[in-house]
PDB file of N, CA and C in Angstrom:
ATOM      1  N   UNK A   1      91.194  68.394 -46.910  1.00  0.00           N
ATOM      2  CA  UNK A   1      92.169  68.426 -47.991  1.00  0.00           C
ATOM      3  C   UNK A   1      92.339  67.046 -48.613  1.00  0.00           C
ATOM      4  N   UNK A   2      91.615  66.051 -48.111  1.00  0.00           N
ATOM      5  CA  UNK A   2      91.610  64.705 -48.692  1.00  0.00           C
ATOM      6  C   UNK A   2      93.003  64.126 -48.866  1.00  0.00           C
ATOM      7  N   UNK A   3      93.915  64.413 -47.967  1.00  0.00           N
ATOM      8  CA  UNK A   3      95.256  63.837 -48.031  1.00  0.00           C
ATOM      9  C   UNK A   3      96.152  64.486 -49.074  1.00  0.00           C
ATOM     10  N   UNK A   4      95.736  65.619 -49.631  1.00  0.00           N
ATOM     11  CA  UNK A   4      96.550  66.299 -50.643  1.00  0.00           C
ATOM     12  C   UNK A   4      97.444  67.328 -49.962  1.00  0.00           C
ATOM     13  N   UNK A   5      98.554  67.616 -50.606  1.00  0.00           N
ATOM     14  CA  UNK A   5      99.420  68.666 -50.073  1.00  0.00           C
ATOM     15  C   UNK A   5      98.867  70.030 -50.485  1.00  0.00           C
ATOM     16  N   UNK A   6      99.515  71.093 -50.075  1.00  0.00           N
ATOM     17  CA  UNK A   6      99.031  72.454 -50.316  1.00  0.00           C
ATOM     18  C   UNK A   6      98.909  72.739 -51.814  1.00  0.00           C
ATOM     19  N   UNK A   7      99.901  72.375 -52.588  1.00  0.00           N
ATOM     20  CA  UNK A   7      99.884  72.662 -54.024  1.00  0.00           C
ATOM     21  C   UNK A   7      98.774  71.881 -54.724  1.00  0.00           C
ATOM     22  N   UNK A   8      98.594  70.618 -54.372  1.00  0.00           N
ATOM     23  CA  UNK A   8      97.526  69.815 -54.968  1.00  0.00           C
ATOM     24  C   UNK A   8      96.160  70.389 -54.614  1.00  0.00           C
ATOM     25  N   UNK A   9      96.010  70.846 -53.385  1.00  0.00           N
ATOM     26  CA  UNK A   9      94.748  71.452 -52.958  1.00  0.00           C
ATOM     27  C   UNK A   9      94.487  72.735 -53.736  1.00  0.00           C
ATOM     28  N   UNK A  10      95.494  73.563 -53.869  1.00  0.00           N
ATOM     29  CA  UNK A  10      95.355  74.800 -54.635  1.00  0.00           C
ATOM     30  C   UNK A  10      94.978  74.507 -56.080  1.00  0.00           C
ATOM     31  N   UNK A  11      95.650  73.525 -56.703  1.00  0.00           N
ATOM     32  CA  UNK A  11      95.356  73.159 -58.092  1.00  0.00           C
ATOM     33  C   UNK A  11      93.926  72.656 -58.244  1.00  0.00           C
ATOM     34  N   UNK A  12      93.479  71.842 -57.309  1.00  0.00           N
ATOM     35  CA  UNK A  12      92.105  71.309 -57.372  1.00  0.00           C
ATOM     36  C   UNK A  12      91.080  72.439 -57.252  1.00  0.00           C
ATOM     37  N   UNK A  13      91.319  73.364 -56.335  1.00  0.00           N
ATOM     38  CA  UNK A  13      90.410  74.498 -56.177  1.00  0.00           C
ATOM     39  C   UNK A  13      90.412  75.352 -57.442  1.00  0.00           C
ATOM     40  N   UNK A  14      91.590  75.613 -57.987  1.00  0.00           N
ATOM     41  CA  UNK A  14      91.682  76.422 -59.206  1.00  0.00           C
ATOM     42  C   UNK A  14      90.963  75.746 -60.373  1.00  0.00           C
ATOM     43  N   UNK A  15      90.987  74.420 -60.418  1.00  0.00           N
ATOM     44  CA  UNK A  15      90.352  73.687 -61.513  1.00  0.00           C
ATOM     45  C   UNK A  15      88.827  73.706 -61.433  1.00  0.00           C
ATOM     46  N   UNK A  16      88.282  73.635 -60.244  1.00  0.00           N
ATOM     47  CA  UNK A  16      86.833  73.430 -60.124  1.00  0.00           C
ATOM     48  C   UNK A  16      86.058  74.611 -59.547  1.00  0.00           C
ATOM     49  N   UNK A  17      86.720  75.613 -59.000  1.00  0.00           N
ATOM     50  CA  UNK A  17      86.004  76.663 -58.284  1.00  0.00           C
ATOM     51  C   UNK A  17      85.051  77.451 -59.177  1.00  0.00           C
ATOM     52  N   UNK A  18      85.530  77.966 -60.298  1.00  0.00           N
ATOM     53  CA  UNK A  18      84.680  78.800 -61.143  1.00  0.00           C
ATOM     54  C   UNK A  18      83.510  77.995 -61.716  1.00  0.00           C
ATOM     55  N   UNK A  19      83.778  76.799 -62.213  1.00  0.00           N
ATOM     56  CA  UNK A  19      82.705  75.967 -62.763  1.00  0.00           C
ATOM     57  C   UNK A  19      81.663  75.634 -61.697  1.00  0.00           C
ATOM     58  N   UNK A  20      82.119  75.362 -60.491  1.00  0.00           N
ATOM     59  CA  UNK A  20      81.198  75.064 -59.406  1.00  0.00           C
ATOM     60  C   UNK A  20      80.371  76.287 -59.050  1.00  0.00           C
ATOM     61  N   UNK A  21      80.991  77.452 -59.039  1.00  0.00           N
ATOM     62  CA  UNK A  21      80.261  78.679 -58.719  1.00  0.00           C
ATOM     63  C   UNK A  21      79.191  78.971 -59.763  1.00  0.00           C
ATOM     64  N   UNK A  22      79.514  78.816 -61.032  1.00  0.00           N
ATOM     65  CA  UNK A  22      78.531  79.039 -62.102  1.00  0.00           C
ATOM     66  C   UNK A  22      77.393  78.018 -61.991  1.00  0.00           C
ATOM     67  N   UNK A  23      77.734  76.773 -61.711  1.00  0.00           N
ATOM     68  CA  UNK A  23      76.697  75.750 -61.534  1.00  0.00           C
ATOM     69  C   UNK A  23      75.814  76.079 -60.342  1.00  0.00           C
ATOM     70  N   UNK A  24      76.411  76.581 -59.281  1.00  0.00           N
ATOM     71  CA  UNK A  24      75.641  76.955 -58.093  1.00  0.00           C
ATOM     72  C   UNK A  24      74.665  78.066 -58.418  1.00  0.00           C
ATOM     73  N   UNK A  25      75.115  79.095 -59.122  1.00  0.00           N
ATOM     74  CA  UNK A  25      74.210  80.176 -59.516  1.00  0.00           C
ATOM     75  C   UNK A  25      73.095  79.652 -60.418  1.00  0.00           C
ATOM     76  N   UNK A  26      73.450  78.786 -61.362  1.00  0.00           N
ATOM     77  CA  UNK A  26      72.461  78.241 -62.300  1.00  0.00           C
ATOM     78  C   UNK A  26      71.425  77.373 -61.596  1.00  0.00           C
ATOM     79  N   UNK A  27      71.812  76.762 -60.515  1.00  0.00           N
ATOM     80  CA  UNK A  27      70.916  75.869 -59.782  1.00  0.00           C
ATOM     81  C   UNK A  27      70.093  76.618 -58.740  1.00  0.00           C
ATOM     82  N   UNK A  28      70.774  77.373 -57.874  1.00  0.00           N
ATOM     83  CA  UNK A  28      70.101  77.955 -56.711  1.00  0.00           C
ATOM     84  C   UNK A  28      69.250  79.176 -57.026  1.00  0.00           C
ATOM     85  N   UNK A  29      69.658  80.001 -57.966  1.00  0.00           N
ATOM     86  CA  UNK A  29      68.861  81.194 -58.264  1.00  0.00           C
ATOM     87  C   UNK A  29      67.464  80.819 -58.758  1.00  0.00           C
ATOM     88  N   UNK A  30      67.326  79.919 -59.739  1.00  0.00           N
ATOM     89  CA  UNK A  30      65.965  79.528 -60.132  1.00  0.00           C
ATOM     90  C   UNK A  30      65.193  78.823 -59.010  1.00  0.00           C
ATOM     91  N   UNK A  31      65.890  77.979 -58.245  1.00  0.00           N
ATOM     92  CA  UNK A  31      65.213  77.291 -57.141  1.00  0.00           C
ATOM     93  C   UNK A  31      64.645  78.311 -56.154  1.00  0.00           C
ATOM     94  N   UNK A  32      65.432  79.287 -55.788  1.00  0.00           N
ATOM     95  CA  UNK A  32      64.967  80.271 -54.811  1.00  0.00           C
ATOM     96  C   UNK A  32      63.887  81.189 -55.392  1.00  0.00           C
ATOM     97  N   UNK A  33      63.998  81.544 -56.670  1.00  0.00           N
ATOM     98  CA  UNK A  33      62.946  82.352 -57.280  1.00  0.00           C
ATOM     99  C   UNK A  33      61.611  81.611 -57.257  1.00  0.00           C
ATOM    100  N   UNK A  34      61.648  80.346 -57.627  1.00  0.00           N
ATOM    101  CA  UNK A  34      60.427  79.539 -57.586  1.00  0.00           C
ATOM    102  C   UNK A  34      59.937  79.345 -56.152  1.00  0.00           C
ATOM    103  N   UNK A  35      60.870  79.118 -55.257  1.00  0.00           N
ATOM    104  CA  UNK A  35      60.526  78.914 -53.850  1.00  0.00           C
ATOM    105  C   UNK A  35      59.807  80.140 -53.284  1.00  0.00           C
ATOM    106  N   UNK A  36      60.379  81.314 -53.481  1.00  0.00           N
ATOM    107  CA  UNK A  36      59.774  82.524 -52.920  1.00  0.00           C
ATOM    108  C   UNK A  36      58.478  82.913 -53.624  1.00  0.00           C
ATOM    109  N   UNK A  37      58.361  82.547 -54.883  1.00  0.00           N
ATOM    110  CA  UNK A  37      57.170  82.934 -55.640  1.00  0.00           C
ATOM    111  C   UNK A  37      55.976  82.023 -55.355  1.00  0.00           C
ATOM    112  N   UNK A  38      56.219  80.709 -55.273  1.00  0.00           N
ATOM    113  CA  UNK A  38      55.107  79.766 -55.261  1.00  0.00           C
ATOM    114  C   UNK A  38      54.909  78.979 -53.962  1.00  0.00           C
ATOM    115  N   UNK A  39      55.917  78.922 -53.131  1.00  0.00           N
ATOM    116  CA  UNK A  39      55.825  78.089 -51.927  1.00  0.00           C
ATOM    117  C   UNK A  39      55.415  78.957 -50.744  1.00  0.00           C
ATOM    118  N   UNK A  40      54.440  78.510 -49.971  1.00  0.00           N
ATOM    119  CA  UNK A  40      54.069  79.279 -48.771  1.00  0.00           C
ATOM    120  C   UNK A  40      55.256  79.387 -47.807  1.00  0.00           C
ATOM    121  N   UNK A  41      55.306  80.483 -47.084  1.00  0.00           N
ATOM    122  CA  UNK A  41      56.437  80.775 -46.197  1.00  0.00           C
ATOM    123  C   UNK A  41      56.706  79.621 -45.234  1.00  0.00           C
ATOM    124  N   UNK A  42      55.679  79.005 -44.719  1.00  0.00           N
ATOM    125  CA  UNK A  42      55.881  77.944 -43.730  1.00  0.00           C
ATOM    126  C   UNK A  42      56.556  76.711 -44.313  1.00  0.00           C
ATOM    127  N   UNK A  43      56.584  76.580 -45.658  1.00  0.00           N
ATOM    128  CA  UNK A  43      57.211  75.422 -46.299  1.00  0.00           C
ATOM    129  C   UNK A  43      58.530  75.765 -47.005  1.00  0.00           C
ATOM    130  N   UNK A  44      58.894  77.017 -47.043  1.00  0.00           N
ATOM    131  CA  UNK A  44      60.086  77.412 -47.798  1.00  0.00           C
ATOM    132  C   UNK A  44      61.362  76.781 -47.251  1.00  0.00           C
ATOM    133  N   UNK A  45      61.500  76.697 -45.953  1.00  0.00           N
ATOM    134  CA  UNK A  45      62.688  76.070 -45.374  1.00  0.00           C
ATOM    135  C   UNK A  45      62.780  74.600 -45.777  1.00  0.00           C
ATOM    136  N   UNK A  46      61.659  73.906 -45.792  1.00  0.00           N
ATOM    137  CA  UNK A  46      61.658  72.494 -46.199  1.00  0.00           C
ATOM    138  C   UNK A  46      62.095  72.331 -47.646  1.00  0.00           C
ATOM    139  N   UNK A  47      61.663  73.239 -48.497  1.00  0.00           N
ATOM    140  CA  UNK A  47      62.080  73.184 -49.902  1.00  0.00           C
ATOM    141  C   UNK A  47      63.595  73.364 -50.001  1.00  0.00           C
ATOM    142  N   UNK A  48      64.134  74.321 -49.264  1.00  0.00           N
ATOM    143  CA  UNK A  48      65.582  74.564 -49.295  1.00  0.00           C
ATOM    144  C   UNK A  48      66.345  73.364 -48.752  1.00  0.00           C
ATOM    145  N   UNK A  49      65.866  72.774 -47.678  1.00  0.00           N
ATOM    146  CA  UNK A  49      66.548  71.610 -47.105  1.00  0.00           C
ATOM    147  C   UNK A  49      66.539  70.428 -48.062  1.00  0.00           C
ATOM    148  N   UNK A  50      65.409  70.170 -48.675  1.00  0.00           N
ATOM    149  CA  UNK A  50      65.318  69.071 -49.633  1.00  0.00           C
ATOM    150  C   UNK A  50      66.188  69.339 -50.861  1.00  0.00           C
ATOM    151  N   UNK A  51      66.166  70.561 -51.328  1.00  0.00           N
ATOM    152  CA  UNK A  51      66.968  70.925 -52.485  1.00  0.00           C
ATOM    153  C   UNK A  51      68.454  70.847 -52.162  1.00  0.00           C
ATOM    154  N   UNK A  52      68.826  71.139 -50.931  1.00  0.00           N
ATOM    155  CA  UNK A  52      70.230  71.029 -50.525  1.00  0.00           C
ATOM    156  C   UNK A  52      70.732  69.597 -50.618  1.00  0.00           C
ATOM    157  N   UNK A  53      69.879  68.641 -50.309  1.00  0.00           N
ATOM    158  CA  UNK A  53      70.261  67.229 -50.446  1.00  0.00           C
ATOM    159  C   UNK A  53      70.527  66.904 -51.911  1.00  0.00           C
ATOM    160  N   UNK A  54      69.677  67.405 -52.790  1.00  0.00           N
ATOM    161  CA  UNK A  54      69.873  67.183 -54.231  1.00  0.00           C
ATOM    162  C   UNK A  54      71.160  67.854 -54.693  1.00  0.00           C
ATOM    163  N   UNK A  55      71.392  69.083 -54.252  1.00  0.00           N
ATOM    164  CA  UNK A  55      72.602  69.809 -54.640  1.00  0.00           C
ATOM    165  C   UNK A  55      73.865  69.077 -54.173  1.00  0.00           C
ATOM    166  N   UNK A  56      73.854  68.575 -52.960  1.00  0.00           N
ATOM    167  CA  UNK A  56      75.000  67.836 -52.435  1.00  0.00           C
ATOM    168  C   UNK A  56      75.238  66.555 -53.239  1.00  0.00           C
ATOM    169  N   UNK A  57      74.172  65.877 -53.604  1.00  0.00           N
ATOM    170  CA  UNK A  57      74.308  64.665 -54.427  1.00  0.00           C
ATOM    171  C   UNK A  57      74.894  65.004 -55.793  1.00  0.00           C
ATOM    172  N   UNK A  58      74.454  66.104 -56.374  1.00  0.00           N
ATOM    173  CA  UNK A  58      75.012  66.523 -57.666  1.00  0.00           C
ATOM    174  C   UNK A  58      76.496  66.843 -57.553  1.00  0.00           C
ATOM    175  N   UNK A  59      76.880  67.572 -56.521  1.00  0.00           N
ATOM    176  CA  UNK A  59      78.299  67.877 -56.331  1.00  0.00           C
ATOM    177  C   UNK A  59      79.124  66.611 -56.141  1.00  0.00           C
ATOM    178  N   UNK A  60      78.586  65.665 -55.396  1.00  0.00           N
ATOM    179  CA  UNK A  60      79.300  64.406 -55.174  1.00  0.00           C
ATOM    180  C   UNK A  60      79.459  63.626 -56.470  1.00  0.00           C
ATOM    181  N   UNK A  61      78.473  63.696 -57.332  1.00  0.00           N
ATOM    182  CA  UNK A  61      78.557  62.997 -58.618  1.00  0.00           C
ATOM    183  C   UNK A  61      79.519  63.702 -59.571  1.00  0.00           C
ATOM    184  N   UNK A  62      79.503  65.029 -59.567  1.00  0.00           N
ATOM    185  CA  UNK A  62      80.362  65.786 -60.476  1.00  0.00           C
ATOM    186  C   UNK A  62      81.812  65.771 -60.054  1.00  0.00           C
ATOM    187  N   UNK A  63      82.076  65.809 -58.761  1.00  0.00           N
ATOM    188  CA  UNK A  63      83.440  65.893 -58.244  1.00  0.00           C
ATOM    189  C   UNK A  63      83.703  64.802 -57.213  1.00  0.00           C
ATOM    190  N   UNK A  64      83.774  63.553 -57.664  1.00  0.00           N
ATOM    191  CA  UNK A  64      84.046  62.487 -56.689  1.00  0.00           C
ATOM    192  C   UNK A  64      85.469  62.628 -56.143  1.00  0.00           C
ATOM    193  N   UNK A  65      85.704  62.089 -54.954  1.00  0.00           N
ATOM    194  CA  UNK A  65      87.070  62.149 -54.420  1.00  0.00           C
ATOM    195  C   UNK A  65      88.021  61.379 -55.330  1.00  0.00           C
ATOM    196  N   UNK A  66      89.201  61.918 -55.475  1.00  0.00           N
ATOM    197  CA  UNK A  66      90.201  61.246 -56.307  1.00  0.00           C
ATOM    198  C   UNK A  66      90.725  60.028 -55.561  1.00  0.00           C
ATOM    199  N   UNK A  67      90.833  58.922 -56.281  1.00  0.00           N
ATOM    200  CA  UNK A  67      91.314  57.690 -55.657  1.00  0.00           C
ATOM    201  C   UNK A  67      92.830  57.696 -55.631  1.00  0.00           C
ATOM    202  N   UNK A  68      93.367  57.301 -54.487  1.00  0.00           N
ATOM    203  CA  UNK A  68      94.810  57.179 -54.364  1.00  0.00           C
ATOM    204  C   UNK A  68      95.177  55.717 -54.552  1.00  0.00           C
ATOM    205  N   UNK A  69      96.335  55.490 -55.169  1.00  0.00           N
ATOM    206  CA  UNK A  69      96.800  54.118 -55.348  1.00  0.00           C
ATOM    207  C   UNK A  69      97.333  53.599 -54.023  1.00  0.00           C
ATOM    208  N   UNK A  70      96.990  52.355 -53.693  1.00  0.00           N
ATOM    209  CA  UNK A  70      97.513  51.732 -52.489  1.00  0.00           C
ATOM    210  C   UNK A  70      98.977  51.373 -52.705  1.00  0.00           C
ATOM    211  N   UNK A  71      99.711  51.297 -51.613  1.00  0.00           N
ATOM    212  CA  UNK A  71     101.122  50.920 -51.703  1.00  0.00           C
ATOM    213  C   UNK A  71     101.266  49.520 -52.287  1.00  0.00           C
ATOM    214  N   UNK A  72     100.326  48.606 -51.982  1.00  0.00           N
ATOM    215  CA  UNK A  72     100.391  47.253 -52.518  1.00  0.00           C
ATOM    216  C   UNK A  72     100.271  47.259 -54.040  1.00  0.00           C
ATOM    217  N   UNK A  73      99.385  48.072 -54.560  1.00  0.00           N
ATOM    218  CA  UNK A  73      99.196  48.147 -56.006  1.00  0.00           C
ATOM    219  C   UNK A  73     100.422  48.721 -56.690  1.00  0.00           C
ATOM    220  N   UNK A  74     101.048  49.713 -56.063  1.00  0.00           N
ATOM    221  CA  UNK A  74     102.250  50.307 -56.615  1.00  0.00           C
ATOM    222  C   UNK A  74     103.368  49.275 -56.662  1.00  0.00           C
ATOM    223  N   UNK A  75     103.501  48.473 -55.588  1.00  0.00           N
ATOM    224  CA  UNK A  75     104.531  47.446 -55.555  1.00  0.00           C
ATOM    225  C   UNK A  75     104.262  46.365 -56.607  1.00  0.00           C
ATOM    226  N   UNK A  76     102.994  46.003 -56.821  1.00  0.00           N
ATOM    227  CA  UNK A  76     102.660  45.004 -57.817  1.00  0.00           C
ATOM    228  C   UNK A  76     103.027  45.484 -59.213  1.00  0.00           C
ATOM    229  N   UNK A  77     102.850  46.758 -59.487  1.00  0.00           N
ATOM    230  CA  UNK A  77     103.186  47.313 -60.793  1.00  0.00           C
ATOM    231  C   UNK A  77     104.690  47.271 -61.028  1.00  0.00           C
ATOM    232  N   UNK A  78     105.473  47.430 -59.941  1.00  0.00           N
ATOM    233  CA  UNK A  78     106.922  47.408 -60.071  1.00  0.00           C
ATOM    234  C   UNK A  78     107.415  46.008 -60.412  1.00  0.00           C
ATOM    235  N   UNK A  79     106.716  44.983 -59.946  1.00  0.00           N
ATOM    236  CA  UNK A  79     107.162  43.602 -60.170  1.00  0.00           C
ATOM    237  C   UNK A  79     106.850  43.148 -61.516  1.00  0.00           C
TER     238      UNK A  79
END
C-alpha cells in the first residue's frame, strides 16, 4: 500500500486499474500470439520471462511510486 491509507489506496486503484488492464491486453495478447506461433516450445518460457522483465519496467516507468514530503521539508516550508 506504499504507506497510503485505505481511501488513498482505493483512489489509486480506481485511477489506474482500467488503463493498466487495457495496456496489459494490448501488450500481452500480441506477445503471446507471436510466441505461440513462431517460437519453438522449448523456448516459449524464456520469451515470456524476458518479456515479463520488459513489462515490469514499463509499469515502473508509467506508474512510479508517489513521493512523500519529508517532515523536514514541510517544516522548512512553514518557516
